[in-house]
Structure formats: C-alpha cells, structure tokens
C-alpha cells in the first residue's frame, strides 16, 4: 500500500500536470481568439499553424490550407531538395586535359570567390602549365527567374544565374578617401563617379554609377557573359583564359570544393538568393541532366514532396518570385519531414537563431534561444516558419504567413514575437 507521503506526492504531480495542461489549453484558446479577432479587423491575410510532432497533433490551425506568397520561406524547399539530391562536396569545376591544353567548364557552383574558401580551384588553375580554354556553355534557362521584379536588376539580392559564377556575379564598389575602390578591380573603369545619380547600373550594359559623396559600399549585380567571366578569371589568376565554342563533348573530370553544408547554412541564415538558385541548377543537372531550376522543382515535387497537403505553385529557388504559392500546412509538413530525417542538432544548426544570428538576429530574442526559423520578406509580405523549443524543452513546429499588409513590417514581427513568447512559456 502507498504511504500517505506517496499519495501526497502523486497528487502533487497530478496537480502540476493538470496546471500545465490548463495553462497550455488557456494559451491555445487565447491565441485562437486573437487570430479570429484579427481576421475580422485586419486588412491583410494571415495564416498560422502550430504542430506537435511528438503527438502528431495540430494545436492551432488558422488558414492553414490557404495559399500565400512565401517569399524566402521557399528556401526551405530548396534546402530540402538539395539536401536529398546532392551529396558530399560541391562540384566546383569540370575539366579535361589534352596535350598542352586545359579545357574547363562551369558547374553552377555559387561559392567561387564569393566569401568561401576557393583555393582548390584557384590553385588548380594557377598551377596549370597548360593553355586554359573555357567552354562557351550556359544554363538551360534565362539568367533571371520567372516572376522576378524586372526593376530590381541593380539590387544585390537579384544577381543573374549562370553556369560559371564568379564573385557571386556581383561587383562591390565605394569611395574611400576620394579614391574609387572596386572589387573585383576589373570593373573600376566601368564605374562612373558623379555628383548625383539616379541609378546604379544601366539595364542592358555593365555601366555602373556612384554618387561622389557616398561612403557606403554598393553591391550591384553585373550582366554575365562567358567572355566577361573569362576576362575576370584571367585578371584573377594572372593567366590568359580563352573562350572556345561548345561543339565537342569532352569526358570531363570533376574538381570538388567545399562541403554542401557550408552553402546550406549560409543560404538559410542570411537568406542568400544567389546560393539558392545555383543550388537548384546543380540539382537539375544531377536529377535531369539539365542546368534548370524548373527541372529540379519538377523532380522534387514528383519524388521528394509528392505527398504535400496542398499542391504548391513553386517556380524558383530563392523565393524572389511573386508567382510562388504555398500554404502554412505545406510549410509545417516539410519541416516535420526535415525533423524526422535530419539529426536535430544538425538541422537546427542550418537555421537562423532568434536574437543571435542572420535574419533573426534582432528579433525573437530570449535568455535561452528558442526560435530556429526561416524568415521570408517581400514588400507587404512577411513569413516565418520553423521550430520553437519551449521552456519545458518541448519542440513544436510552426508557420506564420502574412500577405498584403500596409503596416510596417516591424509591427507584424512584434505580433509574431508576442505569440511565440506565449508558446515558449506555456507549452
């Protein structure tokens, strides 16, 4: 028989458990009520799903089956697709040696001279005693994606996709002590310093502009061509690189570079559009023998994501396109697949951390980090999808999607932060 102390202890545990359940139920009811009220009053569209993967139960579902413009939440799909399709190290360069010639071809690797360790490729090219020829090949689609805003062409977040990326297909330049600084320096004579400027680059040619009194560095995409890439490469390795027609099939070998994990983390943490698009090009080549984002998407939807709750409209790797349409249900479904298939410590390491890193550095802070999520921002749209680890150590999956608002984005983030704090403290 149980002693009086044992009975009291069991009653105590039961009471604590009951209080916890009632607290979480109360929070759930409160959040649902707030969402319903907001739905009546707000002038924009909201969706929110909160899911417990341990019990496989939805806690909250507000407009979970409705379609939203996801912005960079699309990169979650790019990440999962690349994670499934691409293995080991990045294919950095295709090459073929014949007699006294080294023939090279791009592989859509975004890392080359783009803030990553690139010494393998550089040393390989610099140390070659052969004449270097670059094949005049290209990707199997347009340099800019469907649904991208055409007038965003001079902004850092929309560089062109290409087969042989170099410097992230971006030129950085600024004034420093009355001197023009350009990286790469090759573009210096194409930058015009004026007293006043209305644009940073011409639409159809690589002519750049900088206001004389501007101190902040400009990051501007350049128009890519194989002739230009060959010139940039020649200027970098101090060795002539010649372009040759893409008429002969060579039995290329592959030079591998850094780990794909390095690319995945940078893509998600700082929301790098360029890396996202180039990864999907590499996936397309792997699964369909075509450097095509579209081919990669079609393969992923047919082979990795055929069981999504609602069939999305998915058109690019980065989320720049306004044509993309996903539901909060889809986001949560994908996040659960990732949670099941990738070790948790590894999975969370790919994500921005609330209050600490990347796009979440200034939001969702806490004494102990509790938000690991991917944000997505386009004008009048903000989404946040990921994982929250509660004060009790419980992992929950969530997706907030907000479209077509006219209020400051900071107000939307504050609303999300308030709900996430309630979840953290109550579940």
Protein backbone atom coordinates (compact mmCIF):
# COMPACT_ATOMS: atom_id res chain seq x y z
CA UNK A 1 0.00 0.00 0.00
CA UNK A 2 1.08 3.55 -0.68
CA UNK A 3 2.08 5.64 2.28
CA UNK A 4 0.43 8.98 2.97
CA UNK A 5 3.56 10.78 1.68
CA UNK A 6 3.49 8.74 -1.55
CA UNK A 7 -0.15 9.62 -2.10
CA UNK A 8 0.53 13.28 -1.45
CA UNK A 9 3.44 13.22 -3.90
CA UNK A 10 1.32 11.56 -6.61
CA UNK A 11 -1.43 14.12 -6.04
CA UNK A 12 1.19 16.86 -6.28
CA UNK A 13 2.48 15.56 -9.64
CA UNK A 14 -1.08 15.22 -10.92
CA UNK A 15 -1.83 18.80 -9.88
CA UNK A 16 1.33 20.12 -11.57
CA UNK A 17 0.45 18.22 -14.75
CA UNK A 18 -3.11 19.49 -14.65
CA UNK A 19 -1.91 23.08 -14.22
CA UNK A 20 0.47 22.65 -17.18
CA UNK A 21 -2.32 21.27 -19.37
CA UNK A 22 -4.73 24.01 -18.35
CA UNK A 23 -2.06 26.66 -18.95
CA UNK A 24 -1.29 25.40 -22.46
CA UNK A 25 -5.00 24.99 -23.21
CA UNK A 26 -5.61 28.52 -21.99
CA UNK A 27 -2.83 29.85 -24.19
CA UNK A 28 -4.15 27.90 -27.19
CA UNK A 29 -7.64 29.32 -26.66
CA UNK A 30 -6.24 32.84 -26.24
CA UNK A 31 -4.14 32.67 -29.42
CA UNK A 32 -7.05 31.25 -31.42
CA UNK A 33 -9.33 34.02 -30.14
CA UNK A 34 -6.77 36.68 -31.05
CA UNK A 35 -6.39 35.25 -34.55
CA UNK A 36 -10.15 35.20 -35.07
CA UNK A 37 -10.47 38.77 -33.87
CA UNK A 38 -7.55 39.86 -36.01
CA UNK A 39 -9.16 38.15 -39.01
CA UNK A 40 -12.21 40.36 -38.54
CA UNK A 41 -10.26 43.58 -38.03
CA UNK A 42 -7.05 43.27 -40.09
CA UNK A 43 -6.87 44.49 -43.67
CA UNK A 44 -4.39 41.78 -44.65
CA UNK A 45 -4.30 37.99 -44.76
CA UNK A 46 -2.79 35.83 -42.00
CA UNK A 47 -2.10 32.13 -41.67
CA UNK A 48 -0.72 30.28 -38.67
CA UNK A 49 -0.22 26.60 -37.90
CA UNK A 50 1.28 25.19 -34.69
CA UNK A 51 2.02 21.47 -34.64
CA UNK A 52 3.36 18.97 -32.10
CA UNK A 53 5.46 16.31 -33.89
CA UNK A 54 5.62 14.14 -30.75
CA UNK A 55 1.84 13.68 -30.56
CA UNK A 56 1.30 14.32 -34.29
CA UNK A 57 -1.47 16.76 -33.41
CA UNK A 58 -2.26 20.24 -34.66
CA UNK A 59 -2.52 22.66 -31.77
CA UNK A 60 -3.64 25.64 -33.85
CA UNK A 61 -4.62 25.91 -37.50
CA UNK A 62 -5.68 29.31 -38.77
CA UNK A 63 -5.99 29.46 -42.57
CA UNK A 64 -3.53 26.58 -42.79
CA UNK A 65 -4.85 25.38 -46.15
CA UNK A 66 -4.88 28.83 -47.77
CA UNK A 67 -2.23 29.83 -50.28
CA UNK A 68 0.28 32.59 -49.50
CA UNK A 69 3.24 34.22 -51.21
CA UNK A 70 6.06 32.63 -49.17
CA UNK A 71 8.98 34.91 -50.10
CA UNK A 72 12.20 33.32 -48.79
CA UNK A 73 10.34 30.57 -46.95
CA UNK A 74 10.71 28.98 -50.40
CA UNK A 75 14.34 28.34 -49.48
CA UNK A 76 13.17 25.64 -47.07
CA UNK A 77 12.06 23.67 -50.13
CA UNK A 78 15.32 24.44 -51.91
CA UNK A 79 17.28 23.28 -48.89
CA UNK A 80 15.38 20.01 -48.56
CA UNK A 81 15.61 19.29 -52.29
CA UNK A 82 19.36 19.96 -52.39
CA UNK A 83 19.90 18.00 -49.17
CA UNK A 84 18.19 14.97 -50.72
CA UNK A 85 19.79 15.23 -54.17
CA UNK A 86 23.32 16.49 -53.59
CA UNK A 87 25.91 14.62 -51.58
CA UNK A 88 29.44 15.10 -50.25
CA UNK A 89 31.29 18.10 -51.65
CA UNK A 90 30.30 20.75 -54.15
CA UNK A 91 31.20 20.11 -57.78
CA UNK A 92 33.29 23.22 -58.35
CA UNK A 93 34.77 22.77 -61.81
CA UNK A 94 34.58 20.41 -64.77
CA UNK A 95 37.90 20.00 -66.62
CA UNK A 96 39.57 17.99 -69.36
CA UNK A 97 43.28 17.82 -70.12
CA UNK A 98 44.53 17.19 -73.63
CA UNK A 99 48.14 17.64 -74.77
CA UNK A 100 49.11 21.18 -73.69
CA UNK A 101 45.54 22.42 -73.14
CA UNK A 102 43.27 22.56 -70.09
CA UNK A 103 39.61 22.82 -71.04
CA UNK A 104 37.28 23.98 -68.27
CA UNK A 105 33.54 24.27 -67.89
CA UNK A 106 31.34 25.73 -65.17
CA UNK A 107 29.21 23.59 -62.87
CA UNK A 108 26.93 26.32 -61.42
CA UNK A 109 28.94 26.35 -58.18
CA UNK A 110 28.00 29.59 -56.35
CA UNK A 111 30.95 29.52 -53.95
CA UNK A 112 33.81 30.54 -56.26
CA UNK A 113 35.31 33.80 -54.96
CA UNK A 114 32.08 34.52 -53.10
CA UNK A 115 33.27 34.63 -49.50
CA UNK A 116 34.06 30.93 -49.35
CA UNK A 117 37.37 29.09 -49.45
CA UNK A 118 38.21 28.90 -53.17
CA UNK A 119 41.88 27.91 -53.09
CA UNK A 120 41.31 24.46 -54.66
CA UNK A 121 40.02 25.93 -57.90
CA UNK A 122 42.39 28.90 -57.87
CA UNK A 123 45.47 26.78 -57.17
CA UNK A 124 44.41 24.23 -59.79
CA UNK A 125 44.16 26.94 -62.45
CA UNK A 126 47.18 28.95 -61.34
CA UNK A 127 49.44 25.91 -61.19
CA UNK A 128 48.41 24.59 -64.59
CA UNK A 129 51.16 24.93 -67.18
CA UNK A 130 48.67 24.35 -69.99
CA UNK A 131 46.82 26.94 -72.03
CA UNK A 132 43.38 27.36 -70.42
CA UNK A 133 40.24 27.29 -72.53
CA UNK A 134 36.73 27.89 -71.18
CA UNK A 135 33.83 26.27 -73.00
CA UNK A 136 31.17 28.70 -74.19
CA UNK A 137 28.28 26.92 -72.42
CA UNK A 138 25.34 28.27 -70.45
CA UNK A 139 22.49 27.18 -68.19
CA UNK A 140 19.31 25.78 -69.73
CA UNK A 141 17.07 28.72 -68.82
CA UNK A 142 17.10 32.51 -68.57
CA UNK A 143 19.52 34.28 -66.18
CA UNK A 144 16.62 35.86 -64.24
CA UNK A 145 13.72 33.85 -62.82
CA UNK A 146 10.03 33.89 -63.69
CA UNK A 147 8.11 36.42 -61.63
CA UNK A 148 11.18 38.37 -60.53
CA UNK A 149 10.64 42.13 -60.50
CA UNK A 150 12.48 43.41 -63.59
CA UNK A 151 13.36 46.75 -62.00
CA UNK A 152 15.20 45.01 -59.15
CA UNK A 153 18.03 44.19 -61.58
CA UNK A 154 20.55 46.57 -59.91
CA UNK A 155 19.99 45.30 -56.36
CA UNK A 156 22.40 42.94 -54.60
CA UNK A 157 19.71 40.37 -53.86
CA UNK A 158 18.99 39.63 -57.54
CA UNK A 159 22.20 38.56 -59.33
CA UNK A 160 21.91 36.53 -62.51
CA UNK A 161 22.03 32.74 -62.50
CA UNK A 162 24.91 31.34 -64.55
CA UNK A 163 26.96 28.25 -65.34
CA UNK A 164 30.32 29.71 -64.26
CA UNK A 165 29.59 32.13 -61.41
CA UNK A 166 32.43 34.28 -60.17
CA UNK A 167 32.40 36.76 -57.27
CA UNK A 168 28.73 35.89 -56.77
CA UNK A 169 28.08 37.72 -60.08
CA UNK A 170 28.26 40.96 -58.09
CA UNK A 171 30.64 43.94 -58.12
CA UNK A 172 31.27 45.87 -54.89
CA UNK A 173 32.42 49.48 -55.05
CA UNK A 174 32.70 52.62 -52.95
CA UNK A 175 34.59 55.89 -52.47
CA UNK A 176 37.41 55.81 -49.95
CA UNK A 177 39.45 58.97 -49.29
CA UNK A 178 38.41 60.41 -52.66
CA UNK A 179 39.52 57.20 -54.41
CA UNK A 180 37.27 54.69 -56.11
CA UNK A 181 37.60 51.16 -54.75
CA UNK A 182 36.18 48.26 -56.75
CA UNK A 183 36.06 44.53 -56.09
CA UNK A 184 36.84 42.94 -58.43
CA UNK A 185 39.10 45.72 -59.66
CA UNK A 186 38.37 44.72 -63.25
CA UNK A 187 35.19 46.84 -63.17
CA UNK A 188 36.83 50.03 -61.96
CA UNK A 189 36.90 51.68 -65.40
CA UNK A 190 33.21 50.87 -65.87
CA UNK A 191 32.13 52.82 -62.76
CA UNK A 192 31.24 56.48 -63.22
CA UNK A 193 31.50 58.74 -60.18
CA UNK A 194 29.07 61.66 -60.40
CA UNK A 195 27.81 64.41 -58.13
CA UNK A 196 24.32 62.99 -58.31
CA UNK A 197 22.99 59.65 -59.58
CA UNK A 198 19.53 58.24 -60.19
CA UNK A 199 20.55 54.62 -60.87
CA UNK A 200 23.42 52.31 -60.01
CA UNK A 201 23.66 50.32 -63.26
CA UNK A 202 22.35 50.55 -66.79
CA UNK A 203 19.70 47.98 -67.65
CA UNK A 204 21.42 46.33 -70.61
CA UNK A 205 25.15 47.04 -70.20
CA UNK A 206 27.72 46.87 -67.42
CA UNK A 207 27.95 50.59 -66.79
CA UNK A 208 27.80 51.47 -63.08
CA UNK A 209 27.31 54.73 -61.19
CA UNK A 210 28.27 56.05 -57.79
CA UNK A 211 27.50 59.31 -56.06
CA UNK A 212 30.71 61.11 -55.17
CA UNK A 213 29.88 61.75 -51.51
CA UNK A 214 28.56 58.24 -50.84
CA UNK A 215 30.64 56.35 -48.27
CA UNK A 216 28.61 53.15 -48.02
CA UNK A 217 29.66 50.30 -50.31
CA UNK A 218 27.40 49.41 -53.23
CA UNK A 219 26.75 45.80 -54.20
CA UNK A 220 25.45 45.58 -57.75
CA UNK A 221 24.92 42.53 -59.98
CA UNK A 222 26.71 42.54 -63.31
CA UNK A 223 25.42 41.17 -66.60
CA UNK A 224 27.06 37.79 -67.10
CA UNK A 225 28.66 36.52 -70.31
CA UNK A 226 31.31 33.87 -70.84
CA UNK A 227 33.62 36.43 -72.40
CA UNK A 228 33.32 38.54 -69.26
CA UNK A 229 33.87 35.54 -66.97
CA UNK A 230 36.99 34.60 -68.94
CA UNK A 231 38.31 38.16 -68.55
CA UNK A 232 37.56 38.19 -64.82
CA UNK A 233 39.20 34.80 -64.40
CA UNK A 234 42.25 35.90 -66.40
CA UNK A 235 42.53 39.02 -64.27
CA UNK A 236 42.28 36.96 -61.08
CA UNK A 237 44.75 34.12 -61.84
CA UNK A 238 47.04 36.35 -63.96
CA UNK A 239 46.86 33.93 -66.83
CA UNK A 240 45.01 34.17 -70.14
CA UNK A 241 41.74 32.25 -70.36
CA UNK A 242 40.27 31.85 -73.85
CA UNK A 243 36.65 31.06 -74.71
CA UNK A 244 36.04 28.24 -77.20
CA UNK A 245 32.79 27.06 -78.85
CA UNK A 246 30.77 24.38 -77.12
CA UNK A 247 30.85 21.97 -80.05
CA UNK A 248 32.81 18.96 -78.81
CA UNK A 249 31.81 16.65 -75.95
CA UNK A 250 34.72 16.10 -73.60
CA UNK A 251 34.97 13.39 -70.96
CA UNK A 252 35.24 15.86 -68.09
CA UNK A 253 36.67 15.16 -64.68
CA UNK A 254 35.29 16.98 -61.64
CA UNK A 255 37.20 19.09 -59.16
CA UNK A 256 35.34 19.16 -55.85
CA UNK A 257 35.32 22.02 -53.39
CA UNK A 258 33.74 22.77 -50.04
CA UNK A 259 31.03 20.84 -48.21
CA UNK A 260 27.44 21.44 -49.27
CA UNK A 261 26.57 22.01 -45.60
CA UNK A 262 28.52 25.29 -45.75
CA UNK A 263 26.33 26.50 -48.61
CA UNK A 264 23.11 25.34 -46.96
CA UNK A 265 23.85 27.23 -43.77
CA UNK A 266 24.75 30.50 -45.49
CA UNK A 267 21.71 30.23 -47.75
CA UNK A 268 19.32 29.84 -44.81
CA UNK A 269 20.99 32.03 -42.18
CA UNK A 270 21.44 35.17 -44.29
CA UNK A 271 18.79 34.19 -46.86
CA UNK A 272 21.13 34.24 -49.84
CA UNK A 273 19.11 34.20 -53.07
CA UNK A 274 22.09 33.56 -55.33
CA UNK A 275 23.14 30.39 -53.50
CA UNK A 276 19.55 29.13 -53.55
CA UNK A 277 19.20 29.49 -57.31
CA UNK A 278 22.60 27.99 -58.08
CA UNK A 279 21.94 25.00 -55.81
CA UNK A 280 18.75 24.29 -57.73
CA UNK A 281 20.68 24.48 -61.00
CA UNK A 282 23.07 21.85 -59.64
CA UNK A 283 20.13 19.69 -58.56
CA UNK A 284 18.63 20.00 -62.04
CA UNK A 285 21.88 18.76 -63.56
CA UNK A 286 22.06 15.85 -61.11
CA UNK A 287 18.48 14.59 -61.46
CA UNK A 288 17.58 15.60 -65.03
CA UNK A 289 20.92 16.33 -66.75
CA UNK A 290 19.82 19.93 -67.22
CA UNK A 291 21.05 23.07 -65.52
CA UNK A 292 17.47 24.11 -64.88
CA UNK A 293 15.71 25.25 -61.71
CA UNK A 294 12.42 24.18 -63.26
CA UNK A 295 13.69 20.63 -63.82
CA UNK A 296 14.87 20.46 -60.21
CA UNK A 297 11.49 21.65 -58.91
CA UNK A 298 9.55 19.18 -61.03
CA UNK A 299 11.73 16.31 -59.86
CA UNK A 300 11.45 17.31 -56.20
CA UNK A 301 7.67 17.62 -56.30
CA UNK A 302 7.37 14.23 -58.01
CA UNK A 303 9.91 12.31 -55.94
CA UNK A 304 10.51 14.03 -52.58
CA UNK A 305 7.37 16.07 -51.93
CA UNK A 306 4.57 14.27 -53.74
CA UNK A 307 2.54 13.98 -50.51
CA UNK A 308 2.30 17.66 -49.56
CA UNK A 309 -1.12 18.59 -48.09
CA UNK A 310 -1.78 21.19 -50.81
CA UNK A 311 -0.02 21.19 -54.17
CA UNK A 312 2.10 24.36 -54.28
CA UNK A 313 2.96 26.63 -57.15
CA UNK A 314 6.75 26.61 -56.94
CA UNK A 315 8.74 28.44 -59.60
CA UNK A 316 12.16 29.45 -58.26
CA UNK A 317 14.78 28.51 -55.69
CA UNK A 318 15.05 31.77 -53.76
CA UNK A 319 11.51 33.00 -53.25
CA UNK A 320 12.05 36.20 -55.23
CA UNK A 321 9.15 35.29 -57.49
CA UNK A 322 5.66 36.55 -56.72
CA UNK A 323 4.36 33.51 -58.58
CA UNK A 324 5.24 31.14 -55.72
CA UNK A 325 2.26 29.94 -53.67
CA UNK A 326 2.50 27.70 -50.59
CA UNK A 327 0.26 27.04 -47.61
CA UNK A 328 1.18 27.06 -43.91
CA UNK A 329 0.19 23.38 -43.89
CA UNK A 330 2.80 22.70 -46.57
CA UNK A 331 5.47 24.52 -44.56
CA UNK A 332 4.74 22.55 -41.40
CA UNK A 333 4.60 19.29 -43.35
CA UNK A 334 8.04 19.93 -44.85
CA UNK A 335 9.51 20.99 -41.50
CA UNK A 336 8.27 17.74 -39.96
CA UNK A 337 9.88 15.71 -42.79
CA UNK A 338 13.16 17.51 -42.11
CA UNK A 339 12.79 16.91 -38.37
CA UNK A 340 12.30 13.17 -38.96
CA UNK A 341 15.11 12.75 -41.49
CA UNK A 342 17.90 15.02 -40.21
CA UNK A 343 19.51 14.75 -36.75
CA UNK A 344 18.15 17.59 -34.64
CA UNK A 345 21.47 19.18 -33.69
CA UNK A 346 22.47 19.24 -37.36
CA UNK A 347 19.07 20.51 -38.53
CA UNK A 348 18.88 23.41 -36.09
CA UNK A 349 22.44 24.44 -36.97
CA UNK A 350 21.32 25.30 -40.51
CA UNK A 351 18.74 27.83 -39.28
CA UNK A 352 18.93 31.45 -38.15
CA UNK A 353 18.57 31.65 -34.35
CA UNK A 354 16.24 34.19 -32.79
CA UNK A 355 18.15 37.05 -31.18
CA UNK A 356 21.51 35.66 -32.29
CA UNK A 357 22.18 35.05 -35.99
CA UNK A 358 21.33 36.04 -39.53
CA UNK A 359 17.92 37.39 -40.44
CA UNK A 360 16.62 36.77 -36.90
CA UNK A 361 19.47 38.47 -35.06
CA UNK A 362 17.36 41.45 -34.00
CA UNK A 363 14.14 39.57 -33.30
CA UNK A 364 12.74 36.76 -31.14
CA UNK A 365 15.49 37.10 -28.54
CA UNK A 366 15.39 35.26 -25.23
CA UNK A 367 17.74 34.45 -22.37
CA UNK A 368 17.88 30.96 -23.84
CA UNK A 369 17.46 30.78 -27.65
CA UNK A 370 14.13 29.22 -28.53
CA UNK A 371 13.31 30.15 -32.14
CA UNK A 372 15.04 28.41 -35.07
CA UNK A 373 13.28 29.55 -38.19
CA UNK A 374 13.45 30.82 -41.76
CA UNK A 375 12.04 34.24 -42.44
CA UNK A 376 10.73 35.43 -45.79
CA UNK A 377 10.28 39.07 -46.75
CA UNK A 378 8.95 40.80 -49.84
CA UNK A 379 7.31 44.20 -49.83
CA UNK A 380 3.99 43.84 -47.96
CA UNK A 381 4.70 40.18 -47.12
CA UNK A 382 6.42 38.55 -44.14
CA UNK A 383 6.54 34.85 -43.28
CA UNK A 384 8.33 32.89 -40.57
CA UNK A 385 8.43 29.08 -40.42
CA UNK A 386 10.49 26.79 -38.25
CA UNK A 387 10.88 25.33 -34.79
CA UNK A 388 10.27 26.65 -31.30
CA UNK A 389 11.71 24.93 -28.24
CA UNK A 390 9.59 25.76 -25.19
CA UNK A 391 10.74 26.46 -21.65
CA UNK A 392 9.88 22.83 -20.79
CA UNK A 393 12.10 21.60 -23.66
CA UNK A 394 9.26 20.62 -25.99
CA UNK A 395 9.87 21.09 -29.72
CA UNK A 396 6.96 22.45 -31.73
CA UNK A 397 6.74 23.26 -35.44
CA UNK A 398 5.11 26.46 -36.67
CA UNK A 399 4.44 28.55 -39.74
CA UNK A 400 3.31 32.18 -39.78
CA UNK A 401 2.39 33.61 -43.17
CA UNK A 402 1.34 37.25 -43.63
CA UNK A 403 0.46 38.73 -47.01
CA UNK A 404 -0.64 42.09 -48.40
CA UNK A 405 -0.29 44.29 -45.33
CA UNK A 406 0.22 48.05 -45.48
CA UNK A 407 1.52 48.48 -41.93
CA UNK A 408 5.27 48.48 -41.09
CA UNK A 409 6.80 45.01 -41.16
CA UNK A 410 8.10 45.62 -37.64
CA UNK A 411 4.51 45.58 -36.37
CA UNK A 412 3.93 42.18 -37.97
CA UNK A 413 7.13 40.85 -36.39
CA UNK A 414 6.10 42.21 -33.00
CA UNK A 415 2.81 40.35 -33.24
CA UNK A 416 4.61 37.11 -34.11
CA UNK A 417 7.13 37.63 -31.32
CA UNK A 418 4.34 38.08 -28.79
CA UNK A 419 2.69 34.78 -29.82
CA UNK A 420 5.99 32.87 -29.85
CA UNK A 421 6.79 34.09 -26.32
CA UNK A 422 3.38 32.85 -25.12
CA UNK A 423 4.05 29.46 -26.72
CA UNK A 424 7.52 29.31 -25.18
CA UNK A 425 6.23 29.98 -21.68
CA UNK A 426 3.08 27.84 -21.81
CA UNK A 427 3.73 24.58 -23.62
